[in-house]
Amino acid sequence: MARVLLSPKAQRQMSRLSKTIRARAYKVVERLQQWPEVSGAKPLSGRLAGRYRVRTGDYRLQFRVQGEDVVIERIGHRAGFYEE
C-alpha cells in the first residue's frame, strides 16, 4: 500500500474545489493508495515525463511516484491543466 501525499500547491487547489468535486478527488486519492494497481492512471510525456495523471470527470490529478510514496502535485480542471 502506497502512502499518498499532497504537495502544498495541491492542498491549496483541493481546498478551492467545490464540495462535490473535492469528494470525488478524495476518492481518487484513496484509489492511489493501491499504486501501481490503479486503473486509469496515464503516464505523461514531454516536459512532464516521469509523472502521471488520473482523471475524475473534467478534473485531473497530476502525480509522481517517489519510492513507496505517491506525491500529488496538481489538481485542476482539464482546461489548461497541462499548460503552465
N, C-alpha and C. Protein backbone atom coordinates (compact mmCIF):
# COMPACT_ATOMS: atom_id res chain seq x y z
N MET A 1 0.84 -1.18 0.00
CA MET A 1 0.00 0.00 0.00
C MET A 1 0.89 1.24 0.00
N ALA A 2 0.65 2.12 -0.94
CA ALA A 2 1.44 3.34 -1.06
C ALA A 2 0.90 4.43 -0.14
N ARG A 3 1.79 5.29 0.28
CA ARG A 3 1.39 6.46 1.06
C ARG A 3 1.16 7.60 0.08
N VAL A 4 0.02 8.26 0.16
CA VAL A 4 -0.33 9.35 -0.76
C VAL A 4 -0.14 10.67 -0.04
N LEU A 5 0.67 11.55 -0.64
CA LEU A 5 0.95 12.86 -0.07
C LEU A 5 0.47 13.94 -1.03
N LEU A 6 -0.01 15.04 -0.51
CA LEU A 6 -0.38 16.19 -1.33
C LEU A 6 0.66 17.28 -1.14
N SER A 7 1.15 17.82 -2.25
CA SER A 7 2.09 18.94 -2.17
C SER A 7 1.31 20.15 -1.62
N PRO A 8 2.02 21.16 -1.11
CA PRO A 8 1.32 22.36 -0.63
C PRO A 8 0.43 22.99 -1.72
N LYS A 9 0.92 22.98 -2.96
CA LYS A 9 0.14 23.53 -4.07
C LYS A 9 -1.14 22.72 -4.27
N ALA A 10 -1.02 21.40 -4.23
CA ALA A 10 -2.18 20.52 -4.41
C ALA A 10 -3.17 20.70 -3.25
N GLN A 11 -2.67 20.92 -2.04
CA GLN A 11 -3.55 21.15 -0.90
C GLN A 11 -4.37 22.42 -1.10
N ARG A 12 -3.73 23.48 -1.58
CA ARG A 12 -4.45 24.73 -1.86
C ARG A 12 -5.50 24.52 -2.94
N GLN A 13 -5.10 23.82 -4.00
CA GLN A 13 -6.02 23.58 -5.10
C GLN A 13 -7.20 22.72 -4.63
N MET A 14 -6.94 21.73 -3.81
CA MET A 14 -8.01 20.87 -3.29
C MET A 14 -9.00 21.68 -2.45
N SER A 15 -8.49 22.59 -1.63
CA SER A 15 -9.36 23.38 -0.76
C SER A 15 -10.26 24.33 -1.55
N ARG A 16 -9.86 24.67 -2.76
CA ARG A 16 -10.65 25.60 -3.59
C ARG A 16 -11.72 24.90 -4.43
N LEU A 17 -11.70 23.58 -4.45
CA LEU A 17 -12.68 22.83 -5.24
C LEU A 17 -14.04 22.86 -4.55
N SER A 18 -15.09 22.72 -5.35
CA SER A 18 -16.42 22.63 -4.77
C SER A 18 -16.51 21.35 -3.94
N LYS A 19 -17.47 21.30 -3.06
CA LYS A 19 -17.62 20.16 -2.15
C LYS A 19 -17.78 18.85 -2.94
N THR A 20 -18.55 18.88 -4.01
CA THR A 20 -18.80 17.68 -4.82
C THR A 20 -17.52 17.19 -5.49
N ILE A 21 -16.81 18.11 -6.13
CA ILE A 21 -15.57 17.74 -6.83
C ILE A 21 -14.51 17.29 -5.83
N ARG A 22 -14.44 17.96 -4.69
CA ARG A 22 -13.47 17.59 -3.66
C ARG A 22 -13.71 16.15 -3.19
N ALA A 23 -14.96 15.77 -3.01
CA ALA A 23 -15.28 14.40 -2.59
C ALA A 23 -14.82 13.40 -3.64
N ARG A 24 -15.02 13.72 -4.92
CA ARG A 24 -14.56 12.84 -5.99
C ARG A 24 -13.04 12.76 -6.01
N ALA A 25 -12.37 13.88 -5.77
CA ALA A 25 -10.91 13.89 -5.77
C ALA A 25 -10.37 13.04 -4.62
N TYR A 26 -11.02 13.09 -3.45
CA TYR A 26 -10.57 12.27 -2.33
C TYR A 26 -10.76 10.78 -2.61
N LYS A 27 -11.77 10.42 -3.41
CA LYS A 27 -11.93 9.02 -3.80
C LYS A 27 -10.76 8.58 -4.67
N VAL A 28 -10.29 9.48 -5.54
CA VAL A 28 -9.12 9.17 -6.36
C VAL A 28 -7.89 9.01 -5.47
N VAL A 29 -7.75 9.86 -4.48
CA VAL A 29 -6.63 9.75 -3.54
C VAL A 29 -6.66 8.38 -2.86
N GLU A 30 -7.82 7.93 -2.45
CA GLU A 30 -7.94 6.60 -1.85
C GLU A 30 -7.53 5.51 -2.82
N ARG A 31 -7.92 5.65 -4.09
CA ARG A 31 -7.53 4.66 -5.11
C ARG A 31 -6.03 4.63 -5.30
N LEU A 32 -5.39 5.80 -5.21
CA LEU A 32 -3.94 5.87 -5.43
C LEU A 32 -3.15 5.14 -4.34
N GLN A 33 -3.77 4.85 -3.21
CA GLN A 33 -3.10 4.09 -2.17
C GLN A 33 -2.79 2.68 -2.65
N GLN A 34 -3.47 2.22 -3.69
CA GLN A 34 -3.26 0.88 -4.23
C GLN A 34 -2.22 0.86 -5.35
N TRP A 35 -1.44 1.93 -5.50
CA TRP A 35 -0.44 2.02 -6.57
C TRP A 35 0.46 0.80 -6.53
N PRO A 36 0.78 0.16 -7.63
CA PRO A 36 0.56 0.50 -9.03
C PRO A 36 -0.70 -0.13 -9.65
N GLU A 37 -1.57 -0.74 -8.85
CA GLU A 37 -2.78 -1.36 -9.38
C GLU A 37 -3.92 -0.36 -9.50
N VAL A 38 -3.64 0.80 -10.06
CA VAL A 38 -4.64 1.86 -10.20
C VAL A 38 -5.09 1.92 -11.65
N SER A 39 -6.38 1.77 -11.87
CA SER A 39 -6.88 1.87 -13.24
C SER A 39 -7.04 3.33 -13.62
N GLY A 40 -6.79 3.63 -14.88
CA GLY A 40 -6.99 4.98 -15.39
C GLY A 40 -5.81 5.91 -15.25
N ALA A 41 -4.73 5.49 -14.62
CA ALA A 41 -3.55 6.35 -14.49
C ALA A 41 -2.76 6.29 -15.79
N LYS A 42 -2.43 7.45 -16.34
CA LYS A 42 -1.71 7.51 -17.61
C LYS A 42 -0.38 8.24 -17.41
N PRO A 43 0.69 7.70 -17.97
CA PRO A 43 1.98 8.41 -17.89
C PRO A 43 1.96 9.62 -18.80
N LEU A 44 2.57 10.70 -18.36
CA LEU A 44 2.66 11.91 -19.16
C LEU A 44 3.98 11.92 -19.92
N SER A 45 4.05 12.74 -20.95
CA SER A 45 5.25 12.77 -21.78
C SER A 45 5.77 14.20 -21.90
N GLY A 46 6.84 14.35 -22.65
CA GLY A 46 7.43 15.67 -22.85
C GLY A 46 8.05 16.19 -21.58
N ARG A 47 7.79 17.46 -21.28
CA ARG A 47 8.38 18.07 -20.08
C ARG A 47 7.80 17.51 -18.79
N LEU A 48 6.69 16.77 -18.90
CA LEU A 48 6.07 16.15 -17.73
C LEU A 48 6.38 14.66 -17.62
N ALA A 49 7.37 14.20 -18.38
CA ALA A 49 7.76 12.79 -18.33
C ALA A 49 8.13 12.41 -16.91
N GLY A 50 7.76 11.21 -16.52
CA GLY A 50 8.01 10.74 -15.16
C GLY A 50 6.85 11.00 -14.22
N ARG A 51 5.85 11.71 -14.73
CA ARG A 51 4.66 11.99 -13.93
C ARG A 51 3.47 11.28 -14.56
N TYR A 52 2.40 11.19 -13.80
CA TYR A 52 1.19 10.52 -14.25
C TYR A 52 0.00 11.44 -14.01
N ARG A 53 -1.11 11.09 -14.64
CA ARG A 53 -2.34 11.79 -14.36
C ARG A 53 -3.46 10.78 -14.26
N VAL A 54 -4.41 11.12 -13.44
CA VAL A 54 -5.63 10.33 -13.33
C VAL A 54 -6.77 11.34 -13.35
N ARG A 55 -7.87 10.97 -13.98
CA ARG A 55 -8.94 11.94 -14.12
C ARG A 55 -10.17 11.48 -13.37
N THR A 56 -10.98 12.47 -13.00
CA THR A 56 -12.30 12.25 -12.44
C THR A 56 -13.20 13.30 -13.06
N GLY A 57 -13.99 12.89 -14.02
CA GLY A 57 -14.82 13.84 -14.76
C GLY A 57 -13.95 14.80 -15.54
N ASP A 58 -14.18 16.08 -15.38
CA ASP A 58 -13.39 17.10 -16.09
C ASP A 58 -12.16 17.54 -15.29
N TYR A 59 -11.88 16.90 -14.18
CA TYR A 59 -10.75 17.29 -13.33
C TYR A 59 -9.63 16.27 -13.42
N ARG A 60 -8.41 16.75 -13.23
CA ARG A 60 -7.21 15.92 -13.33
C ARG A 60 -6.39 16.05 -12.06
N LEU A 61 -5.75 14.95 -11.69
CA LEU A 61 -4.77 14.95 -10.61
C LEU A 61 -3.46 14.50 -11.21
N GLN A 62 -2.45 15.32 -11.09
CA GLN A 62 -1.11 15.00 -11.60
C GLN A 62 -0.26 14.56 -10.42
N PHE A 63 0.45 13.44 -10.60
CA PHE A 63 1.26 12.94 -9.51
C PHE A 63 2.54 12.29 -10.02
N ARG A 64 3.46 12.07 -9.08
CA ARG A 64 4.69 11.35 -9.38
C ARG A 64 4.87 10.29 -8.30
N VAL A 65 5.61 9.27 -8.65
CA VAL A 65 5.89 8.19 -7.70
C VAL A 65 7.32 8.38 -7.21
N GLN A 66 7.47 8.42 -5.91
CA GLN A 66 8.77 8.65 -5.29
C GLN A 66 8.98 7.54 -4.26
N GLY A 67 9.65 6.47 -4.68
CA GLY A 67 9.82 5.32 -3.80
C GLY A 67 8.48 4.66 -3.53
N GLU A 68 8.11 4.58 -2.27
CA GLU A 68 6.81 4.00 -1.87
C GLU A 68 5.71 5.05 -1.79
N ASP A 69 6.06 6.32 -2.04
CA ASP A 69 5.10 7.41 -1.92
C ASP A 69 4.55 7.83 -3.27
N VAL A 70 3.29 8.22 -3.28
CA VAL A 70 2.66 8.85 -4.44
C VAL A 70 2.44 10.30 -4.03
N VAL A 71 3.07 11.23 -4.75
CA VAL A 71 3.00 12.66 -4.41
C VAL A 71 2.12 13.36 -5.44
N ILE A 72 0.97 13.84 -5.00
CA ILE A 72 0.06 14.58 -5.88
C ILE A 72 0.58 16.01 -5.95
N GLU A 73 0.87 16.46 -7.17
CA GLU A 73 1.47 17.78 -7.38
C GLU A 73 0.45 18.85 -7.76
N ARG A 74 -0.55 18.46 -8.54
CA ARG A 74 -1.52 19.44 -9.04
C ARG A 74 -2.90 18.81 -9.13
N ILE A 75 -3.92 19.64 -8.93
CA ILE A 75 -5.31 19.23 -9.10
C ILE A 75 -6.00 20.38 -9.80
N GLY A 76 -6.72 20.08 -10.89
CA GLY A 76 -7.41 21.16 -11.56
C GLY A 76 -8.29 20.70 -12.70
N HIS A 77 -9.01 21.65 -13.25
CA HIS A 77 -9.89 21.41 -14.39
C HIS A 77 -9.06 21.13 -15.62
N ARG A 78 -9.58 20.31 -16.50
CA ARG A 78 -8.83 19.89 -17.69
C ARG A 78 -8.46 21.05 -18.61
N ALA A 79 -9.26 22.11 -18.61
CA ALA A 79 -8.97 23.27 -19.47
C ALA A 79 -7.70 23.95 -18.99
N GLY A 80 -6.65 23.84 -19.75
CA GLY A 80 -5.38 24.47 -19.41
C GLY A 80 -4.59 23.76 -18.34
N PHE A 81 -4.97 22.54 -18.00
CA PHE A 81 -4.30 21.82 -16.92
C PHE A 81 -2.84 21.55 -17.20
N TYR A 82 -2.51 21.25 -18.46
CA TYR A 82 -1.13 20.87 -18.80
C TYR A 82 -0.27 22.06 -19.20
N GLU A 83 -0.86 23.24 -19.23
CA GLU A 83 -0.11 24.46 -19.56
C GLU A 83 0.29 25.12 -18.26
N GLU A 84 1.49 25.65 -18.23
CA GLU A 84 1.91 26.37 -17.02
C GLU A 84 3.00 27.33 -17.33
